[in-house]
Amino acid sequence: MANYRIANSWLFPPRGGLERGFLLLLLCIIALTACSDRPKEQQKPHSRGNAYELVLIVPRAIYAGELRDSLDAVLRASTPVLPQHEPLFRLSFVYAEANLTPWRTYRNRLLVELNPEAQEPRFEVARDALSVPQIEVRLQAATAHDLALFVGQVRERLVDVFVEHELDIEAANLQRKHSRVTYNALRELCGHAICVPVGLKASKHAEDFLWTGTNLNDKDQNFVFYSYPWDGQPLSAAQFVEKRDSALRQNIPGSRADQWMQTARDPELHRPLLISRQRLLAGRYALEVHGLWEMRNGALGGPFISVERIDTATRRVLVTEGFIYSPHSPKRNLLRQMEAALRTFKSLSNSPNIKSQNH
């Protein structure tokens, strides 16, 4: 048997092709073994499809009438609080009897199925079953009529599952690649971190206020942070509007003295154009607000997303916001990306650091 010597942590035969061939075979076996030890999730293919692209798989016989109307009413509905119609999802439908192989790895899949033995409708969610990242929702009921009613009953949950999945994907992308300018500016201002898109580099600093943006004439994304004392009461939309309009009037003026950013209102009812709800984000309750902004006495405007969180240690309400100015282009994905960015907001004093990258 050949004698082997150790050099630089590798085994080298002193001579001959046979020994070298044996060594190469041994290295191949080690490499193949290492590959087989990977977690199963890593062996699955990367999912296909674009952001907010949803594949609906439904039997041909039942995709008609009230079931089709019910599915369309949910999946083709407008994205909330945009100035024009943009659907929640880009929808593709495939009959369940077709060859489904090309659709197995799409990242958002909705399967609607008849199950005559089902005593009550079922809502099942599977994650990363066939590809990574992937979300699959399966709706089952005994009849097409039951399915139609069930889709209407679970519409908010159904939309949330797919939207939250997309937000998780985008937030993970932003954790890897984000604006260093915004990250460092917020850290210096209040000891918190956030990962917003890399293009947000133009900034304005004020006392307890930060505004960064892409400074574009279209597809313009902006981030705002400010805070105010917490009075011990639950967060409310009415107080949010009051505090928001005060902070933005002071810090985001227009070109004239009578111009500043404010929350848009219905011209007849004079009510703020927004929707709000309490959300559980990162294990803590927050007030999430979708609305429209406008420049007072000006022609500018667009959608925004804000999140209010209570910092009990300092007894302050921390407000993070993303707003869009994109008069000539779709706004849904731009706003959703900012919504995902707000999910990355963390305190650096009591949370693991988000390492800023030089982008």
Protein backbone atom coordinates (compact mmCIF):
# COMPACT_ATOMS: atom_id res chain seq x y z
CA MET A 1 0.00 0.00 0.00
CA ALA A 2 1.31 3.42 -1.00
CA ASN A 3 2.62 5.71 1.70
CA TYR A 4 0.87 9.10 1.85
CA ARG A 5 2.16 12.27 3.40
CA ILE A 6 0.13 15.22 4.67
CA ALA A 7 0.79 18.62 3.06
CA ASN A 8 -1.35 21.70 3.51
CA SER A 9 -4.14 19.58 4.98
CA TRP A 10 -4.43 17.49 1.77
CA LEU A 11 -3.23 13.96 0.98
CA PHE A 12 -0.75 13.71 -1.83
CA PRO A 13 0.53 10.38 -3.23
CA PRO A 14 4.25 10.31 -3.77
CA ARG A 15 3.91 8.71 -7.18
CA GLY A 16 1.84 7.17 -9.89
CA GLY A 17 -1.48 7.43 -11.69
CA LEU A 18 -3.21 4.68 -9.70
CA GLU A 19 -2.79 6.51 -6.44
CA ARG A 20 -3.93 9.80 -8.02
CA GLY A 21 -6.97 8.10 -9.51
CA PHE A 22 -7.85 6.62 -6.13
CA LEU A 23 -7.53 10.04 -4.50
CA LEU A 24 -9.78 11.67 -7.11
CA LEU A 25 -12.42 8.98 -6.58
CA LEU A 26 -12.24 9.50 -2.81
CA LEU A 27 -12.69 13.27 -3.19
CA CYS A 28 -15.70 12.77 -5.48
CA ILE A 29 -17.33 10.46 -2.94
CA ILE A 30 -16.78 13.03 -0.18
CA ALA A 31 -18.26 15.80 -2.33
CA LEU A 32 -21.32 13.73 -3.25
CA THR A 33 -21.86 12.80 0.39
CA ALA A 34 -21.66 16.44 1.44
CA CYS A 35 -24.28 17.36 -1.17
CA SER A 36 -26.64 14.64 0.01
CA ASP A 37 -26.37 15.98 3.58
CA ARG A 38 -27.92 19.32 2.63
CA PRO A 39 -31.32 20.07 4.14
CA LYS A 40 -34.16 18.96 1.90
CA GLU A 41 -35.32 22.56 1.51
CA GLN A 42 -32.02 23.43 -0.17
CA GLN A 43 -32.44 20.60 -2.67
CA LYS A 44 -35.77 21.94 -3.92
CA PRO A 45 -35.74 24.14 -7.04
CA HIS A 46 -36.03 27.88 -6.79
CA SER A 47 -39.59 28.99 -7.35
CA ARG A 48 -40.78 30.66 -10.55
CA GLY A 49 -43.00 33.68 -11.04
CA ASN A 50 -42.89 37.40 -10.45
CA ALA A 51 -43.96 39.33 -7.38
CA TYR A 52 -47.73 39.16 -6.82
CA GLU A 53 -48.19 36.64 -9.63
CA LEU A 54 -50.73 34.02 -8.56
CA VAL A 55 -51.59 30.71 -10.24
CA LEU A 56 -55.16 29.48 -9.70
CA ILE A 57 -55.72 25.76 -10.30
CA VAL A 58 -59.38 24.76 -10.48
CA PRO A 59 -61.43 21.96 -12.10
CA ARG A 60 -62.91 22.97 -15.46
CA ALA A 61 -66.41 21.81 -14.56
CA ILE A 62 -66.80 24.19 -11.61
CA TYR A 63 -64.90 27.26 -12.80
CA ALA A 64 -68.03 29.09 -13.88
CA GLY A 65 -70.97 30.97 -12.46
CA GLU A 66 -70.92 31.98 -8.83
CA LEU A 67 -67.58 30.31 -8.02
CA ARG A 68 -65.77 32.16 -10.79
CA ASP A 69 -67.45 35.42 -9.78
CA SER A 70 -66.47 34.87 -6.15
CA LEU A 71 -62.83 34.12 -7.01
CA ASP A 72 -62.61 37.11 -9.37
CA ALA A 73 -64.12 39.42 -6.76
CA VAL A 74 -61.32 38.51 -4.35
CA LEU A 75 -58.26 37.89 -6.54
CA ARG A 76 -58.85 40.61 -9.14
CA ALA A 77 -59.89 43.24 -6.58
CA SER A 78 -58.07 46.58 -6.47
CA THR A 79 -55.05 47.01 -4.27
CA PRO A 80 -56.27 49.11 -1.31
CA VAL A 81 -55.92 52.89 -1.39
CA LEU A 82 -54.27 53.47 -4.73
CA PRO A 83 -55.37 56.43 -6.87
CA GLN A 84 -56.22 54.08 -9.78
CA HIS A 85 -57.14 50.41 -10.20
CA GLU A 86 -54.25 48.00 -9.87
CA PRO A 87 -55.26 44.40 -9.09
CA LEU A 88 -54.01 42.66 -5.98
CA PHE A 89 -52.46 39.93 -8.10
CA ARG A 90 -51.54 39.11 -11.64
CA LEU A 91 -53.77 36.08 -12.02
CA SER A 92 -53.23 33.02 -14.22
CA PHE A 93 -55.71 30.16 -14.07
CA VAL A 94 -55.07 26.57 -15.07
CA TYR A 95 -57.60 23.77 -15.29
CA ALA A 96 -56.82 20.99 -12.83
CA GLU A 97 -57.18 18.39 -15.60
CA ALA A 98 -54.27 19.89 -17.58
CA ASN A 99 -50.61 18.98 -17.29
CA LEU A 100 -49.66 20.77 -14.08
CA THR A 101 -45.93 20.03 -14.22
CA PRO A 102 -44.97 23.50 -15.54
CA TRP A 103 -46.93 25.10 -12.68
CA ARG A 104 -45.55 23.04 -9.80
CA THR A 105 -42.76 25.44 -8.88
CA TYR A 106 -44.67 28.74 -9.05
CA ARG A 107 -44.21 30.63 -5.81
CA ASN A 108 -47.90 31.50 -5.26
CA ARG A 109 -50.40 28.67 -5.89
CA LEU A 110 -54.11 28.47 -5.10
CA LEU A 111 -55.80 25.09 -5.51
CA VAL A 112 -59.62 25.00 -5.45
CA GLU A 113 -61.01 21.47 -5.14
CA LEU A 114 -64.27 19.58 -4.74
CA ASN A 115 -64.39 17.04 -1.91
CA PRO A 116 -67.89 15.46 -1.70
CA GLU A 117 -67.00 13.91 1.66
CA ALA A 118 -66.06 17.23 3.27
CA GLN A 119 -68.50 18.01 6.08
CA GLU A 120 -67.29 21.60 6.15
CA PRO A 121 -64.99 23.71 3.93
CA ARG A 122 -61.25 23.48 4.51
CA PHE A 123 -58.48 26.10 4.23
CA GLU A 124 -55.00 24.54 4.16
CA VAL A 125 -51.64 26.27 3.74
CA ALA A 126 -48.38 24.59 2.71
CA ARG A 127 -45.02 26.34 2.60
CA ASP A 128 -42.09 25.38 0.35
CA ALA A 129 -43.73 22.09 -0.62
CA LEU A 130 -42.43 21.91 -4.20
CA SER A 131 -40.01 24.84 -4.50
CA VAL A 132 -38.41 27.58 -2.41
CA PRO A 133 -39.80 30.08 -1.59
CA GLN A 134 -43.38 28.97 -2.20
CA ILE A 135 -46.82 29.29 -0.64
CA GLU A 136 -49.71 27.02 -1.57
CA VAL A 137 -53.30 27.43 -0.40
CA ARG A 138 -55.81 24.61 -0.86
CA LEU A 139 -59.54 25.33 -0.58
CA GLN A 140 -61.93 22.36 -0.39
CA ALA A 141 -65.70 22.03 -0.07
CA ALA A 142 -68.40 19.53 -0.99
CA THR A 143 -70.00 21.60 -3.78
CA ALA A 144 -69.20 24.51 -6.05
CA HIS A 145 -71.83 26.56 -4.22
CA ASP A 146 -70.13 25.86 -0.88
CA LEU A 147 -66.79 26.86 -2.39
CA ALA A 148 -68.20 30.13 -3.67
CA LEU A 149 -69.56 31.03 -0.26
CA PHE A 150 -66.34 29.94 1.46
CA VAL A 151 -64.16 32.14 -0.78
CA GLY A 152 -66.22 35.15 0.25
CA GLN A 153 -65.96 34.24 3.93
CA VAL A 154 -62.17 33.86 3.93
CA ARG A 155 -61.32 36.61 1.44
CA GLU A 156 -59.24 38.69 3.86
CA ARG A 157 -57.33 35.67 5.13
CA LEU A 158 -56.77 34.43 1.58
CA VAL A 159 -55.34 37.74 0.40
CA ASP A 160 -53.21 38.12 3.52
CA VAL A 161 -51.55 34.73 3.08
CA PHE A 162 -50.24 35.58 -0.38
CA VAL A 163 -49.43 39.23 0.32
CA GLU A 164 -47.57 38.37 3.55
CA HIS A 165 -45.58 35.75 1.65
CA GLU A 166 -44.50 38.34 -0.91
CA LEU A 167 -43.64 40.84 1.82
CA ASP A 168 -41.50 38.21 3.57
CA ILE A 169 -39.60 37.54 0.33
CA GLU A 170 -39.02 41.25 -0.29
CA ALA A 171 -38.01 41.92 3.32
CA ALA A 172 -35.43 39.13 3.11
CA ASN A 173 -34.07 40.66 -0.12
CA LEU A 174 -33.81 44.06 1.54
CA GLN A 175 -31.96 42.57 4.52
CA ARG A 176 -29.27 41.49 2.06
CA LYS A 177 -29.16 44.65 -0.03
CA HIS A 178 -30.35 48.02 1.22
CA SER A 179 -29.61 51.73 1.45
CA ARG A 180 -26.62 52.40 3.64
CA VAL A 181 -27.50 56.10 3.75
CA THR A 182 -30.90 55.47 5.31
CA TYR A 183 -29.65 52.72 7.59
CA ASN A 184 -26.89 54.87 9.06
CA ALA A 185 -29.01 58.03 9.27
CA LEU A 186 -31.76 56.29 11.25
CA ARG A 187 -29.25 54.58 13.52
CA GLU A 188 -27.67 57.92 14.38
CA LEU A 189 -31.04 59.61 14.87
CA CYS A 190 -32.77 57.14 17.17
CA GLY A 191 -30.74 53.93 17.57
CA HIS A 192 -32.99 51.93 15.25
CA ALA A 193 -32.32 50.24 11.94
CA ILE A 194 -34.32 49.78 8.76
CA CYS A 195 -33.54 48.26 5.38
CA VAL A 196 -35.05 50.30 2.55
CA PRO A 197 -34.28 50.03 -1.20
CA VAL A 198 -30.80 51.07 -2.25
CA GLY A 199 -31.98 54.06 -4.26
CA LEU A 200 -33.14 56.01 -1.19
CA LYS A 201 -30.07 58.18 -0.79
CA ALA A 202 -31.26 61.81 -0.83
CA SER A 203 -31.99 62.75 2.77
CA LYS A 204 -33.30 65.48 5.04
CA HIS A 205 -32.56 65.50 8.76
CA ALA A 206 -34.39 67.44 11.45
CA GLU A 207 -34.95 67.07 15.16
CA ASP A 208 -36.58 63.68 15.65
CA PHE A 209 -37.33 63.47 11.91
CA LEU A 210 -35.76 61.73 8.91
CA TRP A 211 -36.79 61.74 5.24
CA THR A 212 -34.90 59.83 2.57
CA GLY A 213 -35.91 59.29 -1.04
CA THR A 214 -34.86 58.41 -4.56
CA ASN A 215 -35.48 61.98 -5.78
CA LEU A 216 -37.01 60.86 -9.09
CA ASN A 217 -39.77 62.38 -11.20
CA ASP A 218 -41.44 58.99 -11.55
CA LYS A 219 -41.22 55.72 -9.60
CA ASP A 220 -40.05 57.85 -6.67
CA GLN A 221 -39.88 55.99 -3.33
CA ASN A 222 -39.55 57.77 0.02
CA PHE A 223 -39.07 56.81 3.66
CA VAL A 224 -40.08 58.95 6.65
CA PHE A 225 -39.46 58.48 10.37
CA TYR A 226 -40.73 60.62 13.25
CA SER A 227 -41.98 60.05 16.80
CA TYR A 228 -44.16 61.72 19.41
CA PRO A 229 -44.92 61.20 23.13
CA TRP A 230 -47.25 58.31 23.95
CA ASP A 231 -50.20 59.30 26.14
CA GLY A 232 -50.85 55.74 27.33
CA GLN A 233 -53.93 55.31 25.13
CA PRO A 234 -54.39 52.77 22.33
CA LEU A 235 -53.22 53.90 18.92
CA SER A 236 -55.99 55.30 16.72
CA ALA A 237 -56.38 56.44 13.13
CA ALA A 238 -57.71 59.86 14.19
CA GLN A 239 -54.65 60.61 16.32
CA PHE A 240 -52.42 59.22 13.57
CA VAL A 241 -53.75 61.73 11.02
CA GLU A 242 -53.33 64.62 13.43
CA LYS A 243 -49.72 63.74 14.27
CA ARG A 244 -48.85 62.87 10.67
CA ASP A 245 -50.15 66.12 9.21
CA SER A 246 -48.35 68.12 11.89
CA ALA A 247 -44.99 66.40 11.31
CA LEU A 248 -45.17 66.56 7.52
CA ARG A 249 -46.38 70.18 7.43
CA GLN A 250 -43.31 71.17 9.40
CA ASN A 251 -40.78 68.99 7.57
CA ILE A 252 -41.99 68.44 3.98
CA PRO A 253 -43.05 71.84 2.62
CA GLY A 254 -43.80 72.67 -0.98
CA SER A 255 -42.25 75.35 -3.17
CA ARG A 256 -44.61 78.01 -1.79
CA ALA A 257 -45.42 79.06 1.75
CA ASP A 258 -49.00 77.75 1.47
CA GLN A 259 -47.90 74.27 0.34
CA TRP A 260 -47.01 71.22 2.41
CA MET A 261 -47.62 67.49 2.44
CA GLN A 262 -50.79 66.28 4.15
CA THR A 263 -53.14 63.31 4.29
CA ALA A 264 -55.59 63.44 1.38
CA ARG A 265 -59.29 63.79 2.22
CA ASP A 266 -62.54 63.06 0.47
CA PRO A 267 -63.58 66.37 -1.16
CA GLU A 268 -67.23 65.95 -0.15
CA LEU A 269 -67.11 64.18 3.22
CA HIS A 270 -63.74 65.70 4.23
CA ARG A 271 -62.69 62.36 5.72
CA PRO A 272 -59.08 61.16 5.41
CA LEU A 273 -58.66 58.70 2.53
CA LEU A 274 -57.15 55.80 4.45
CA ILE A 275 -57.78 52.40 5.96
CA SER A 276 -56.19 51.20 9.18
CA ARG A 277 -56.00 48.06 11.27
CA GLN A 278 -54.12 46.71 14.25
CA ARG A 279 -51.47 44.21 13.18
CA LEU A 280 -49.13 41.86 14.99
CA LEU A 281 -45.69 42.62 13.55
CA ALA A 282 -42.58 40.90 14.90
CA GLY A 283 -44.57 39.77 17.92
CA ARG A 284 -45.79 43.26 18.87
CA TYR A 285 -49.00 45.10 18.08
CA ALA A 286 -48.79 48.03 15.69
CA LEU A 287 -51.20 50.30 13.83
CA GLU A 288 -50.87 49.84 10.07
CA VAL A 289 -52.32 52.59 7.87
CA HIS A 290 -52.71 52.66 4.08
CA GLY A 291 -53.72 56.01 2.64
CA LEU A 292 -53.25 58.76 0.09
CA TRP A 293 -51.12 61.87 0.48
CA GLU A 294 -51.30 65.17 -1.37
CA MET A 295 -49.43 68.43 -1.57
CA ARG A 296 -51.74 71.13 -0.22
CA ASN A 297 -52.53 73.68 -2.92
CA GLY A 298 -50.42 71.62 -5.34
CA ALA A 299 -50.77 68.89 -7.95
CA LEU A 300 -48.58 66.22 -6.32
CA GLY A 301 -49.92 63.12 -4.58
CA GLY A 302 -49.81 59.38 -4.26
CA PRO A 303 -50.18 56.41 -1.88
CA PHE A 304 -48.46 55.80 1.45
CA ILE A 305 -48.09 53.02 4.02
CA SER A 306 -47.39 53.86 7.68
CA VAL A 307 -46.74 51.74 10.75
CA GLU A 308 -47.02 53.12 14.30
CA ARG A 309 -45.33 51.23 17.13
CA ILE A 310 -45.25 52.01 20.86
CA ASP A 311 -41.83 52.12 22.49
CA THR A 312 -42.76 51.50 26.11
CA ALA A 313 -39.19 52.10 27.32
CA THR A 314 -39.16 55.70 26.10
CA ARG A 315 -42.97 56.13 26.14
CA ARG A 316 -42.97 57.37 22.57
CA VAL A 317 -44.85 56.35 19.45
CA LEU A 318 -42.43 55.52 16.62
CA VAL A 319 -43.77 56.11 13.13
CA THR A 320 -42.24 54.66 9.96
CA GLU A 321 -43.70 55.47 6.57
CA GLY A 322 -43.12 54.79 2.91
CA PHE A 323 -44.74 56.97 0.29
CA ILE A 324 -44.72 56.91 -3.51
CA TYR A 325 -44.77 59.53 -6.24
CA SER A 326 -45.26 57.82 -9.58
CA PRO A 327 -47.72 59.73 -11.78
CA HIS A 328 -46.89 57.83 -14.99
CA SER A 329 -46.20 54.28 -13.74
CA PRO A 330 -47.91 51.54 -11.72
CA LYS A 331 -47.54 51.99 -7.99
CA ARG A 332 -48.50 48.67 -6.40
CA ASN A 333 -45.11 46.99 -6.37
CA LEU A 334 -43.29 50.20 -5.42
CA LEU A 335 -45.57 50.63 -2.42
CA ARG A 336 -45.43 46.96 -1.46
CA GLN A 337 -41.64 47.13 -1.47
CA MET A 338 -41.78 50.01 0.99
CA GLU A 339 -44.30 48.07 3.07
CA ALA A 340 -41.82 45.19 3.23
CA ALA A 341 -39.08 47.63 4.22
CA LEU A 342 -41.13 48.81 7.21
CA ARG A 343 -41.16 45.20 8.43
CA THR A 344 -37.37 45.33 8.87
CA PHE A 345 -37.51 48.18 11.43
CA LYS A 346 -35.66 47.13 14.61
CA SER A 347 -34.10 48.61 17.70
CA LEU A 348 -30.35 48.10 17.71
CA SER A 349 -30.23 48.33 21.51
CA ASN A 350 -32.30 45.20 22.16
CA SER A 351 -32.40 43.33 18.86
CA PRO A 352 -29.74 41.54 16.81
CA ASN A 353 -27.97 44.03 14.57
CA ILE A 354 -28.95 44.18 10.92
CA LYS A 355 -25.57 44.53 9.27
CA SER A 356 -25.57 47.34 6.77
CA GLN A 357 -23.94 46.58 3.43
CA ASN A 358 -22.07 49.04 1.29
CA HIS A 359 -24.60 49.50 -1.49
